[in-house]
Structures are given as structure tokens and as C-alpha cells.
């Protein structure tokens, strides 16, 4: 064994996050670590990566006990951790981020920027990624930042790479390139612990698996000996069924909640659609299809031209504030960067939509804030020990519910969900799907922007497929199939077009 963790316990005050877990991985092995949000996966890996010492237990490296006091010690032992949440310094260049804490110096004891940038370029070439190491991180897209995090782990020689949701913002092509590199490093003896909620990825890249539930190890073995349903049942302790979604019926009305005509903006052109009350309209497409930019434009994040009407009223000046005032809400992708206010409590994050749209008093009343959270906690089943804690104390799925509750308190009528289950476990995904359907049934108009085709099949009444910035096709519910979505996402239906 390369790594053995024996009887690991991790307590945070009265809360036991990891409960006497035994875990091991061999040299040259790719192991999938699975579990719901809050199951203890990241906590266990943070212990291994030196983020904090365990309350109890022993770690063995090549059969010898080691004490991993901090991240620097972990890196010295050949352990690298690519975290789910991006940990980059926005105001530094790409190569400066990749060498942060391990900078190269020249003979004059000054930073050897040219050599560092050149080495970073070699890693990008190996990954088949076009990135300029001299760019500032703040100028990169989210998917590019994710690639920088991965490249940083590949820059230095290591024996074990821990990947926590590494593909959440990557395109299909970028994921394929990542898997090629992982397989190559595996044959060189590098081990990987791969944490993901995307089951197809686990079955494609991993040889073995380990499953955590409620801080305890509940199963492990060879991936070839288990099914997706089997792993899912281990993760959540019960059986999930698609029956509730298979026979979904359209609950919309003839009332138009939002209408767009010839919208043009960054990376999208001539987009038109009508969204009815009670309808779920999905938009999908590849990473470069303009899907993300369209979602941002509809909430006033980036400018656009064309006509946008909400409940028959034209939004002449489409800004975030005007959208909020007109009862448009957005549950954005990349929660940490775009959705939550990390320095504020769960209470304050829930109330933020109300503060900006409906609050008339100059003062925040604690009693009213508590009532707002209690309503949404009951409706959305938000799990928390203390709503006065920072929102970062919640799992990803519960953070997502808080963001949704924020907009429900603001009485939003049009809800934009942008990759709503990004980085969320399978059990909570089903909860989010049910929430979307319940909101539609109550008369809310819903836009879902997603790259996950199974997700669209579960919730959408109609689906618009984008290709190179334009809507390539619109499918009614009985026409939505994974084959149709893939064909039109890649432009395979267009003759004489260079397909992606």
C-alpha cells in the first residue's frame, strides 16, 4: 500500500465528521471516493493533505507512520490536493499561482519568472490546453481556472494526487484530456483519489472505489464488481427511483412570464424564446456554446442587445438590480465565486434578496430574519446546526438551497438555475429536481441551464440546444433524448460544419 489511514477520527467540537475510518490506496491506482455532501470525504482528504490533524488515528506512508502537520509537509511527502473550491490568487499571474510558495530563484536571488512561465507552458502543452502563463488569473474563465488548479498539481513530481470534483467546470474535451493524463501518470506509478458525484466518470476512470456515509466507511471494492445503482444505494442508504420524473406532465399556462427577441451578446446571437408560467425551459450546449453567457445576460450580469420582456413589460435597461426589482432571480454556477457571501451567516445569506428588493426599514430585525430562515428551512429542508454560523459551514447542497430560499423570500417569479446541481451529491440532486418541479407546479417560470443531459430529461418541458452561440434546435418534452441533445450540441446535424 502507498497510503494507509487507520482508525481516523475527526471531531469539530461536538460534531464527529469522520468516525473511525480505515482507508488505503495502492501505488499506481485510481480510486473513486464517493459519498453524499457531508459524508466526510473532503474532511478525510484534508486530514491526509495536512489541512488539520486528526482527532485520533494513524497514517502510514509506504508502511511507515507519518505525521502530516501541514500542507507543506504533505507536499514534501508527495501528496497534492486539488480542492473543489478554487484556491487561486486572482491578482497574480498564472505561473505565479502555480509556483506559489515554491518559487524558482535565479543567481541574484530574484524570481526566475521566465523559467517558471516556461515550465508552466510545458505542463499546459502536455494537457493539450492553450493557456498563457503570463495572464492574470482574474482574466480567466472558471473552466480555465480549474485547469490551472489541475496543472499546478502536475507541475511538481508527486506520488498521490487527490482530486475533489476536478471536472465540475470542464468541457467534454477537457475532461477527456485530463483522463488521458491520469492514465499516463498511473502507468508511471502515480496514484489518484478521485472524488466526484458524476457516476459515469467514476466508472470510466476508476479501478476501485470506497464509499463514505455519515462519516463512516460503508463499502469498498472493484468498480467492475458493482453497478451505479449499487453505489448510489451505499451512498444514501436507500433506493432512488426515476419514476417521479418519467411521467412528468406539463403544468404551464398560456401566460408568458418572459419573452426574448433576437438577444445578442458575448458569445451568443439572435436568441429568441418564450417562457410561460409553470414551465421549465432548459438550455444546454457545450462549454463554448454561449450557454453560460446567455444565462448571465438574462440576469443583467453582462450586457446584451435585443428585446427582453418580463410579464409583458420591456426591460430597457437590463441590470442585476432591475432584474431583481422585476422578480427575476438567479441560482448561479460556481457557488463560492458567484452565489454565496462567504463572510456572512446563513441567516444573512438567506435574507440578502429580501434586503435588496423588499426591505423598507433602515435596520435589520433579528426576529424577522429568523422567521425568514425558518420558513425556507422548513420548505427546502435545509440542514444546519446553527443558522448563525457562516454559510461555508454548510455542505454544497445546503448552500444551494439557501441561495434558492433567498430568492423565494424576494417573491421571484422567474427563476434562472445555472448548473443547479454542480458539485452536489446524487441524493441532494434528486431533492433539487423535486424542488424545481414543485416550484413550476406552483406557477413559477423556470429556466435551467445545464450541461448534464440526464438532468434535463428529468425536469424540462422544453429544451433549447445551443451550438456556437445560436439556438440549433428546440425540443418538446417527448422529443428530448440524450441522442438528440448530443447531436445538436455538437452540430452534427449541420452539413459542411466543422464539428466539435
Protein backbone atom coordinates (compact mmCIF):
# COMPACT_ATOMS: atom_id res chain seq x y z
CA UNK A 1 0.00 0.00 0.00
CA UNK A 2 1.12 3.56 -0.72
CA UNK A 3 -1.14 5.15 1.89
CA UNK A 4 -2.98 3.54 4.81
CA UNK A 5 -5.26 5.53 7.13
CA UNK A 6 -6.18 3.54 10.23
CA UNK A 7 -8.98 4.40 12.67
CA UNK A 8 -9.17 8.05 11.59
CA UNK A 9 -11.46 10.21 13.75
CA UNK A 10 -12.10 13.91 13.09
CA UNK A 11 -14.19 15.96 15.51
CA UNK A 12 -15.22 19.58 15.13
CA UNK A 13 -16.43 20.46 18.61
CA UNK A 14 -19.39 18.17 19.35
CA UNK A 15 -19.74 17.15 15.67
CA UNK A 16 -17.95 13.96 14.53
CA UNK A 17 -17.24 14.37 10.80
CA UNK A 18 -15.13 11.20 10.39
CA UNK A 19 -15.80 8.18 12.59
CA UNK A 20 -13.03 5.53 12.88
CA UNK A 21 -12.39 5.24 9.15
CA UNK A 22 -9.91 2.79 7.62
CA UNK A 23 -8.81 3.75 4.12
CA UNK A 24 -5.98 2.66 1.82
CA UNK A 25 -4.72 3.11 -1.74
CA UNK A 26 -2.02 1.28 -3.72
CA UNK A 27 0.74 2.76 -5.87
CA UNK A 28 -0.42 3.38 -9.43
CA UNK A 29 -4.12 3.10 -8.52
CA UNK A 30 -7.05 5.35 -9.41
CA UNK A 31 -9.59 5.12 -6.59
CA UNK A 32 -13.02 6.76 -6.59
CA UNK A 33 -14.01 8.20 -3.19
CA UNK A 34 -17.79 8.55 -3.01
CA UNK A 35 -20.45 9.80 -0.66
CA UNK A 36 -23.11 12.44 -0.23
CA UNK A 37 -22.25 16.04 0.66
CA UNK A 38 -21.38 16.00 4.34
CA UNK A 39 -20.41 12.30 4.30
CA UNK A 40 -16.83 13.15 5.33
CA UNK A 41 -14.96 12.76 2.03
CA UNK A 42 -13.33 16.18 1.96
CA UNK A 43 -12.65 16.07 5.71
CA UNK A 44 -10.84 12.72 5.39
CA UNK A 45 -8.78 14.03 2.48
CA UNK A 46 -8.00 17.26 4.33
CA UNK A 47 -6.53 15.13 7.12
CA UNK A 48 -4.39 13.29 4.57
CA UNK A 49 -3.33 16.58 2.95
CA UNK A 50 -2.29 18.16 6.26
CA UNK A 51 -5.03 20.79 6.46
CA UNK A 52 -5.71 19.70 10.05
CA UNK A 53 -4.51 16.86 12.28
CA UNK A 54 -6.92 14.01 13.07
CA UNK A 55 -8.52 13.74 16.49
CA UNK A 56 -7.39 10.11 16.52
CA UNK A 57 -5.89 7.55 14.15
CA UNK A 58 -2.69 6.78 12.27
CA UNK A 59 -1.44 7.46 8.74
CA UNK A 60 1.11 5.12 7.14
CA UNK A 61 3.17 6.02 4.06
CA UNK A 62 4.88 3.02 2.46
CA UNK A 63 4.20 1.12 5.68
CA UNK A 64 5.80 3.72 7.98
CA UNK A 65 3.84 6.01 10.34
CA UNK A 66 3.94 9.69 9.36
CA UNK A 67 2.63 12.86 10.98
CA UNK A 68 1.35 15.32 8.37
CA UNK A 69 1.33 18.59 10.27
CA UNK A 70 0.51 20.92 7.39
CA UNK A 71 0.08 21.18 3.62
CA UNK A 72 3.79 21.87 3.11
CA UNK A 73 4.64 18.60 4.85
CA UNK A 74 2.09 16.75 2.69
CA UNK A 75 3.63 18.18 -0.47
CA UNK A 76 7.11 17.21 0.74
CA UNK A 77 5.78 13.65 1.11
CA UNK A 78 4.50 13.73 -2.48
CA UNK A 79 0.79 14.39 -1.74
CA UNK A 80 -1.07 17.05 -3.74
CA UNK A 81 -4.71 18.11 -3.19
CA UNK A 82 -6.80 19.79 -5.91
CA UNK A 83 -9.68 21.26 -3.93
CA UNK A 84 -13.27 21.52 -5.15
CA UNK A 85 -13.39 25.24 -4.42
CA UNK A 86 -10.85 27.21 -6.42
CA UNK A 87 -7.88 28.38 -4.34
CA UNK A 88 -6.19 30.84 -6.67
CA UNK A 89 -4.98 34.39 -6.11
CA UNK A 90 -6.93 36.47 -8.61
CA UNK A 91 -4.39 39.32 -8.76
CA UNK A 92 -1.41 37.08 -9.54
CA UNK A 93 -0.40 35.68 -12.91
CA UNK A 94 -0.98 32.04 -13.80
CA UNK A 95 2.65 30.96 -13.33
CA UNK A 96 2.85 32.87 -10.03
CA UNK A 97 -0.14 30.90 -8.75
CA UNK A 98 1.30 27.60 -9.90
CA UNK A 99 4.64 28.24 -8.14
CA UNK A 100 3.15 29.96 -5.08
CA UNK A 101 5.28 29.02 -2.06
CA UNK A 102 7.75 27.11 -4.25
CA UNK A 103 9.14 29.89 -6.44
CA UNK A 104 12.29 29.45 -8.52
CA UNK A 105 15.10 31.94 -7.93
CA UNK A 106 17.99 32.94 -10.17
CA UNK A 107 21.58 33.51 -9.10
CA UNK A 108 20.76 37.02 -7.96
CA UNK A 109 18.12 35.55 -5.61
CA UNK A 110 15.38 37.19 -7.68
CA UNK A 111 12.34 35.41 -9.06
CA UNK A 112 13.18 33.48 -12.22
CA UNK A 113 9.92 34.36 -13.94
CA UNK A 114 10.94 33.18 -17.41
CA UNK A 115 11.83 29.67 -16.25
CA UNK A 116 8.66 29.37 -14.17
CA UNK A 117 6.49 30.51 -17.09
CA UNK A 118 8.29 28.17 -19.47
CA UNK A 119 7.77 25.19 -17.15
CA UNK A 120 4.08 26.03 -16.84
CA UNK A 121 3.76 26.18 -20.63
CA UNK A 122 5.20 22.65 -20.86
CA UNK A 123 2.54 21.37 -18.45
CA UNK A 124 -0.21 23.07 -20.48
CA UNK A 125 1.15 21.51 -23.68
CA UNK A 126 1.10 18.12 -22.02
CA UNK A 127 -2.54 18.73 -21.07
CA UNK A 128 -3.35 19.95 -24.61
CA UNK A 129 -4.53 23.24 -23.10
CA UNK A 130 -3.99 26.69 -24.60
CA UNK A 131 -3.29 28.95 -21.64
CA UNK A 132 -0.89 31.88 -21.35
CA UNK A 133 1.10 31.59 -18.08
CA UNK A 134 1.56 35.37 -18.09
CA UNK A 135 -2.17 36.08 -17.87
CA UNK A 136 -3.71 37.28 -14.62
CA UNK A 137 -6.00 34.69 -13.05
CA UNK A 138 -8.81 37.24 -12.71
CA UNK A 139 -8.99 37.39 -16.53
CA UNK A 140 -9.59 33.63 -16.89
CA UNK A 141 -12.91 31.83 -17.24
CA UNK A 142 -13.97 29.43 -14.48
CA UNK A 143 -13.07 26.37 -16.58
CA UNK A 144 -9.60 27.82 -17.24
CA UNK A 145 -9.08 28.42 -13.52
CA UNK A 146 -9.99 24.79 -12.90
CA UNK A 147 -7.34 23.73 -15.42
CA UNK A 148 -4.75 25.90 -13.66
CA UNK A 149 -5.53 24.10 -10.37
CA UNK A 150 -5.02 20.74 -12.08
CA UNK A 151 -1.86 21.90 -13.85
CA UNK A 152 -0.42 23.11 -10.54
CA UNK A 153 -0.63 19.56 -9.17
CA UNK A 154 1.06 18.17 -12.30
CA UNK A 155 3.87 20.73 -12.21
CA UNK A 156 5.75 19.03 -9.37
CA UNK A 157 6.66 15.36 -9.01
CA UNK A 158 4.27 13.61 -6.64
CA UNK A 159 3.12 10.13 -5.66
CA UNK A 160 -0.53 10.86 -4.85
CA UNK A 161 -2.93 13.41 -6.33
CA UNK A 162 -6.28 14.00 -4.62
CA UNK A 163 -8.91 15.45 -6.97
CA UNK A 164 -12.11 16.84 -5.44
CA UNK A 165 -14.70 17.42 -8.21
CA UNK A 166 -11.99 18.37 -10.76
CA UNK A 167 -14.31 18.36 -13.80
CA UNK A 168 -17.18 20.48 -12.46
CA UNK A 169 -16.38 23.36 -14.83
CA UNK A 170 -14.66 21.47 -17.67
CA UNK A 171 -15.90 20.71 -21.18
CA UNK A 172 -16.14 17.16 -22.53
CA UNK A 173 -12.89 17.58 -24.47
CA UNK A 174 -11.04 18.93 -21.43
CA UNK A 175 -12.27 16.00 -19.33
CA UNK A 176 -11.05 13.53 -21.96
CA UNK A 177 -7.61 15.22 -21.96
CA UNK A 178 -7.49 15.04 -18.16
CA UNK A 179 -8.27 11.31 -18.20
CA UNK A 180 -5.50 10.69 -20.75
CA UNK A 181 -3.00 12.40 -18.45
CA UNK A 182 -4.27 10.49 -15.41
CA UNK A 183 -3.84 7.15 -17.17
CA UNK A 184 -0.35 8.11 -18.31
CA UNK A 185 0.70 9.10 -14.78
CA UNK A 186 -0.87 5.94 -13.39
CA UNK A 187 1.47 3.84 -15.51
CA UNK A 188 4.34 5.94 -14.10
CA UNK A 189 3.27 4.89 -10.59
CA UNK A 190 1.25 7.96 -9.52
CA UNK A 191 -1.91 7.24 -7.53
CA UNK A 192 -5.15 9.23 -7.68
CA UNK A 193 -8.01 9.64 -5.23
CA UNK A 194 -10.87 10.87 -7.41
CA UNK A 195 -13.86 12.47 -5.67
CA UNK A 196 -16.85 13.04 -7.95
CA UNK A 197 -20.64 12.92 -7.96
CA UNK A 198 -20.62 12.11 -11.68
CA UNK A 199 -21.09 8.35 -11.81
CA UNK A 200 -20.14 7.92 -15.49
CA UNK A 201 -16.73 9.46 -14.73
CA UNK A 202 -16.17 7.10 -11.79
CA UNK A 203 -16.89 4.07 -13.95
CA UNK A 204 -14.72 5.39 -16.79
CA UNK A 205 -11.56 6.34 -14.95
CA UNK A 206 -11.52 4.49 -11.58
CA UNK A 207 -10.47 0.91 -10.88
CA UNK A 208 -11.56 0.75 -7.25
CA UNK A 209 -14.00 2.65 -5.04
CA UNK A 210 -14.62 3.50 -1.38
CA UNK A 211 -17.94 4.85 -0.08
CA UNK A 212 -18.45 7.04 2.99
CA UNK A 213 -21.82 7.68 4.65
CA UNK A 214 -22.32 9.82 7.75
CA UNK A 215 -18.58 9.83 8.40
CA UNK A 216 -18.21 6.02 8.26
CA UNK A 217 -16.77 3.72 5.61
CA UNK A 218 -19.68 1.62 4.32
CA UNK A 219 -18.23 -0.10 1.27
CA UNK A 220 -15.24 -0.57 -0.98
CA UNK A 221 -14.11 -2.85 -3.79
CA UNK A 222 -13.54 -3.10 -7.53
CA UNK A 223 -15.59 -0.81 -9.79
CA UNK A 224 -16.10 -3.71 -12.20
CA UNK A 225 -17.97 -5.64 -9.50
CA UNK A 226 -20.61 -3.01 -8.73
CA UNK A 227 -23.33 -1.05 -10.57
CA UNK A 228 -24.21 2.65 -10.43
CA UNK A 229 -27.40 1.79 -8.55
CA UNK A 230 -25.41 -0.30 -6.09
CA UNK A 231 -23.00 2.55 -5.30
CA UNK A 232 -25.88 5.03 -5.06
CA UNK A 233 -27.68 2.85 -2.52
CA UNK A 234 -24.47 2.59 -0.46
CA UNK A 235 -24.07 6.38 -0.56
CA UNK A 236 -27.57 7.33 0.56
CA UNK A 237 -28.71 4.22 2.40
CA UNK A 238 -31.85 3.87 0.32
CA UNK A 239 -33.02 3.30 -3.26
CA UNK A 240 -33.60 6.25 -5.60
CA UNK A 241 -36.16 5.88 -8.36
CA UNK A 242 -36.70 7.83 -11.55
CA UNK A 243 -40.44 7.04 -11.53
CA UNK A 244 -41.38 10.53 -10.31
CA UNK A 245 -39.78 12.11 -13.37
CA UNK A 246 -40.56 9.59 -16.10
CA UNK A 247 -44.23 10.57 -16.39
CA UNK A 248 -43.76 14.31 -15.84
CA UNK A 249 -46.60 16.34 -17.30
CA UNK A 250 -46.55 19.96 -18.41
CA UNK A 251 -48.13 22.21 -15.77
CA UNK A 252 -47.62 25.51 -17.58
CA UNK A 253 -50.20 28.09 -18.60
CA UNK A 254 -50.64 30.37 -21.61
CA UNK A 255 -49.39 33.35 -19.58
CA UNK A 256 -45.96 34.47 -20.78
CA UNK A 257 -43.58 35.21 -17.90
CA UNK A 258 -40.53 36.12 -20.01
CA UNK A 259 -40.04 36.76 -23.70
CA UNK A 260 -36.77 37.32 -25.55
CA UNK A 261 -36.37 38.51 -29.13
CA UNK A 262 -33.08 38.50 -31.02
CA UNK A 263 -30.84 38.70 -27.97
CA UNK A 264 -27.18 39.17 -28.86
CA UNK A 265 -24.25 39.42 -26.52
CA UNK A 266 -20.87 37.96 -25.65
CA UNK A 267 -20.73 34.55 -27.41
CA UNK A 268 -24.44 34.31 -28.29
CA UNK A 269 -26.50 35.63 -31.22
CA UNK A 270 -30.18 36.08 -32.20
CA UNK A 271 -31.62 34.08 -29.30
CA UNK A 272 -35.41 34.21 -29.06
CA UNK A 273 -37.76 32.29 -26.77
CA UNK A 274 -40.99 32.44 -24.76
CA UNK A 275 -41.17 31.18 -21.19
CA UNK A 276 -44.60 30.50 -19.69
CA UNK A 277 -45.70 30.47 -16.08
CA UNK A 278 -45.41 26.97 -14.68
CA UNK A 279 -42.96 25.90 -17.41
CA UNK A 280 -39.42 24.56 -17.14
CA UNK A 281 -37.40 25.58 -20.19
CA UNK A 282 -33.86 24.16 -20.35
CA UNK A 283 -30.87 25.45 -22.30
CA UNK A 284 -27.97 23.13 -22.99
CA UNK A 285 -24.83 23.05 -25.13
CA UNK A 286 -21.11 22.51 -24.93
CA UNK A 287 -18.77 24.70 -22.88
CA UNK A 288 -18.22 27.15 -25.75
CA UNK A 289 -21.82 27.26 -26.97
CA UNK A 290 -22.70 30.60 -25.36
CA UNK A 291 -24.97 28.92 -22.82
CA UNK A 292 -23.23 30.38 -19.76
CA UNK A 293 -23.10 33.89 -21.22
CA UNK A 294 -26.82 33.80 -22.10
CA UNK A 295 -27.67 32.86 -18.52
CA UNK A 296 -25.60 35.79 -17.23
CA UNK A 297 -27.18 38.21 -19.70
CA UNK A 298 -30.72 37.27 -18.66
CA UNK A 299 -29.88 38.34 -15.10
CA UNK A 300 -28.11 41.53 -16.16
CA UNK A 301 -24.60 40.32 -15.30
CA UNK A 302 -23.29 41.08 -18.79
CA UNK A 303 -24.80 43.44 -21.41
CA UNK A 304 -26.87 42.35 -24.39
CA UNK A 305 -28.86 43.83 -27.25
CA UNK A 306 -32.32 42.81 -28.39
CA UNK A 307 -35.64 42.83 -26.58
CA UNK A 308 -36.34 41.23 -23.21
CA UNK A 309 -39.81 41.42 -21.63
CA UNK A 310 -40.95 40.22 -18.21
CA UNK A 311 -44.71 39.78 -17.71
CA UNK A 312 -45.28 42.00 -20.75
CA UNK A 313 -43.02 44.79 -19.51
CA UNK A 314 -39.91 45.59 -21.52
CA UNK A 315 -36.61 45.66 -19.61
CA UNK A 316 -34.98 48.56 -21.43
CA UNK A 317 -32.06 48.67 -19.02
CA UNK A 318 -31.21 45.11 -18.02
CA UNK A 319 -29.05 45.21 -14.89
CA UNK A 320 -28.90 42.90 -11.90
CA UNK A 321 -30.85 45.40 -9.83
CA UNK A 322 -33.55 45.90 -12.48
CA UNK A 323 -33.89 42.13 -12.86
CA UNK A 324 -34.31 41.70 -9.12
CA UNK A 325 -36.89 44.51 -9.00
CA UNK A 326 -38.79 42.74 -11.78
CA UNK A 327 -38.86 39.47 -9.82
CA UNK A 328 -36.15 37.65 -11.77
CA UNK A 329 -33.83 35.51 -9.67
CA UNK A 330 -30.69 33.51 -10.38
CA UNK A 331 -29.18 30.48 -8.68
CA UNK A 332 -25.73 30.78 -10.28
CA UNK A 333 -22.99 28.31 -11.18
CA UNK A 334 -19.79 28.33 -9.12
CA UNK A 335 -21.41 28.95 -5.72
CA UNK A 336 -18.27 30.14 -3.95
CA UNK A 337 -17.44 32.82 -6.51
CA UNK A 338 -20.92 33.89 -7.62
CA UNK A 339 -23.61 32.70 -5.21
CA UNK A 340 -22.76 32.83 -1.53
CA UNK A 341 -21.38 35.65 0.61
CA UNK A 342 -18.71 33.68 2.43
CA UNK A 343 -18.17 36.15 5.29
CA UNK A 344 -21.85 36.32 6.22
CA UNK A 345 -24.03 33.96 8.24
CA UNK A 346 -26.64 31.55 6.92
CA UNK A 347 -29.28 33.98 8.22
CA UNK A 348 -27.84 36.91 6.25
CA UNK A 349 -27.33 34.90 3.07
CA UNK A 350 -30.98 33.84 3.17
CA UNK A 351 -32.20 37.42 3.70
CA UNK A 352 -30.00 39.11 1.09
CA UNK A 353 -32.63 39.00 -1.69
CA UNK A 354 -35.22 40.48 0.68
CA UNK A 355 -32.80 43.23 1.76
CA UNK A 356 -32.29 44.32 -1.84
CA UNK A 357 -35.86 44.15 -3.13
CA UNK A 358 -38.44 44.49 -0.37
CA UNK A 359 -36.87 45.89 2.78
CA UNK A 360 -38.07 49.39 3.70
CA UNK A 361 -36.54 49.75 7.17
CA UNK A 362 -33.01 51.00 7.77
CA UNK A 363 -32.48 48.34 10.41
CA UNK A 364 -32.24 44.56 10.27
CA UNK A 365 -34.61 42.96 12.77
CA UNK A 366 -33.21 39.69 14.13
CA UNK A 367 -36.68 38.27 14.80
CA UNK A 368 -37.80 38.82 11.19
CA UNK A 369 -34.54 37.40 9.87
CA UNK A 370 -35.06 34.28 11.97
CA UNK A 371 -38.62 33.93 10.64
CA UNK A 372 -37.42 34.22 7.03
CA UNK A 373 -34.86 31.49 7.52
CA UNK A 374 -37.31 29.23 9.41
CA UNK A 375 -39.78 29.43 6.50
CA UNK A 376 -37.17 28.42 3.94
CA UNK A 377 -35.54 25.82 6.20
CA UNK A 378 -38.90 24.10 6.51
CA UNK A 379 -39.81 24.42 2.82
CA UNK A 380 -36.41 23.42 1.43
CA UNK A 381 -35.24 21.08 4.20
CA UNK A 382 -32.01 22.98 4.86
CA UNK A 383 -29.81 21.05 7.29
CA UNK A 384 -27.79 23.16 9.73
CA UNK A 385 -26.80 23.05 13.39
CA UNK A 386 -26.87 26.82 13.84
CA UNK A 387 -28.03 29.38 11.21
CA UNK A 388 -25.80 31.97 12.87
CA UNK A 389 -22.77 30.06 11.56
CA UNK A 390 -21.04 31.17 8.32
CA UNK A 391 -22.66 29.77 5.21
CA UNK A 392 -19.38 27.99 4.43
CA UNK A 393 -20.20 25.62 7.32
CA UNK A 394 -22.91 24.05 5.13
CA UNK A 395 -22.49 21.33 2.52
CA UNK A 396 -22.73 22.34 -1.15
CA UNK A 397 -26.30 21.11 -1.50
CA UNK A 398 -27.48 23.05 1.54
CA UNK A 399 -25.70 26.18 0.32
CA UNK A 400 -27.61 25.81 -2.93
CA UNK A 401 -30.89 25.58 -1.01
CA UNK A 402 -30.04 28.76 0.93
CA UNK A 403 -29.47 30.62 -2.36
CA UNK A 404 -32.83 29.40 -3.62
CA UNK A 405 -34.51 30.38 -0.35
CA UNK A 406 -33.02 33.85 -0.73
CA UNK A 407 -34.99 34.38 -3.92
CA UNK A 408 -38.19 32.79 -2.69
CA UNK A 409 -38.19 35.32 0.16
CA UNK A 410 -37.95 38.03 -2.50
CA UNK A 411 -41.09 36.63 -4.26
CA UNK A 412 -39.23 35.97 -7.53
CA UNK A 413 -41.49 34.78 -10.35
CA UNK A 414 -38.82 33.87 -12.93
CA UNK A 415 -36.08 31.59 -11.58
CA UNK A 416 -32.85 31.01 -13.51
CA UNK A 417 -30.95 27.87 -12.44
CA UNK A 418 -27.42 27.81 -13.87
CA UNK A 419 -25.90 24.32 -13.42
CA UNK A 420 -28.04 23.88 -10.28
CA UNK A 421 -26.50 20.57 -9.14
CA UNK A 422 -22.84 21.37 -9.79
CA UNK A 423 -20.75 19.60 -7.13
CA UNK A 424 -23.83 18.15 -5.39
CA UNK A 425 -24.28 14.53 -4.40
CA UNK A 426 -26.83 12.25 -6.05
CA UNK A 427 -29.31 12.30 -3.15
CA UNK A 428 -29.40 16.10 -2.96
CA UNK A 429 -29.61 16.28 -6.76
CA UNK A 430 -32.94 14.48 -6.60
CA UNK A 431 -34.08 16.94 -3.91
CA UNK A 432 -33.18 19.86 -6.18
CA UNK A 433 -35.05 18.26 -9.11
CA UNK A 434 -38.15 17.82 -6.95
CA UNK A 435 -37.85 21.45 -5.79
CA UNK A 436 -37.72 22.66 -9.40
CA UNK A 437 -40.83 20.65 -10.29
CA UNK A 438 -42.70 21.87 -7.19
CA UNK A 439 -41.84 25.48 -7.99
CA UNK A 440 -43.07 25.04 -11.57
CA UNK A 441 -46.29 23.44 -10.31
CA UNK A 442 -46.84 26.47 -8.06
CA UNK A 443 -46.72 28.75 -11.12
CA UNK A 444 -43.08 29.86 -11.16
CA UNK A 445 -41.43 30.19 -14.57
CA UNK A 446 -38.11 28.39 -14.61
CA UNK A 447 -35.04 28.45 -16.85
CA UNK A 448 -32.49 25.68 -16.32
CA UNK A 449 -29.04 26.00 -17.90
CA UNK A 450 -27.25 22.67 -17.72
CA UNK A 451 -24.70 20.51 -19.50
CA UNK A 452 -25.96 17.32 -17.82
CA UNK A 453 -28.40 15.63 -20.18
CA UNK A 454 -29.94 13.26 -17.57
CA UNK A 455 -30.78 16.34 -15.51
CA UNK A 456 -32.64 17.91 -18.43
CA UNK A 457 -34.57 14.70 -19.08
CA UNK A 458 -35.88 14.78 -15.51
CA UNK A 459 -37.14 18.36 -15.27
CA UNK A 460 -37.54 20.06 -18.66
CA UNK A 461 -40.80 20.68 -20.52
CA UNK A 462 -38.82 22.04 -23.47
CA UNK A 463 -35.12 22.17 -24.24
CA UNK A 464 -33.22 24.65 -26.43
CA UNK A 465 -29.87 23.31 -27.67
CA UNK A 466 -27.16 25.86 -28.36
CA UNK A 467 -24.28 25.47 -30.79
CA UNK A 468 -21.65 28.15 -31.46
CA UNK A 469 -23.74 30.89 -29.89
CA UNK A 470 -27.07 30.14 -31.59
CA UNK A 471 -30.09 28.00 -30.79
CA UNK A 472 -29.63 24.95 -33.02
CA UNK A 473 -32.91 23.25 -32.07
CA UNK A 474 -35.80 23.36 -29.60
CA UNK A 475 -37.27 20.04 -28.45
CA UNK A 476 -40.62 19.37 -26.79
CA UNK A 477 -40.62 17.00 -23.82
CA UNK A 478 -41.40 13.85 -25.81
CA UNK A 479 -38.52 14.69 -28.20
CA UNK A 480 -35.87 15.20 -25.51
CA UNK A 481 -33.41 12.31 -25.67
CA UNK A 482 -29.69 12.14 -24.89
CA UNK A 483 -29.02 11.31 -28.54
CA UNK A 484 -30.88 14.39 -29.83
CA UNK A 485 -29.20 16.66 -27.28
CA UNK A 486 -25.74 15.34 -28.17
CA UNK A 487 -26.27 15.51 -31.94
CA UNK A 488 -27.46 19.13 -31.85
CA UNK A 489 -24.96 20.22 -29.17
CA UNK A 490 -22.07 19.14 -31.37
CA UNK A 491 -23.59 20.50 -34.59
CA UNK A 492 -23.59 17.02 -36.13
CA UNK A 493 -26.93 17.86 -37.78
CA UNK A 494 -25.37 20.66 -39.83
CA UNK A 495 -23.80 19.72 -43.13
CA UNK A 496 -20.48 21.29 -44.01
CA UNK A 497 -19.87 22.46 -40.42
CA UNK A 498 -16.70 21.61 -38.55
CA UNK A 499 -17.98 19.59 -35.61
CA UNK A 500 -16.63 19.89 -32.05
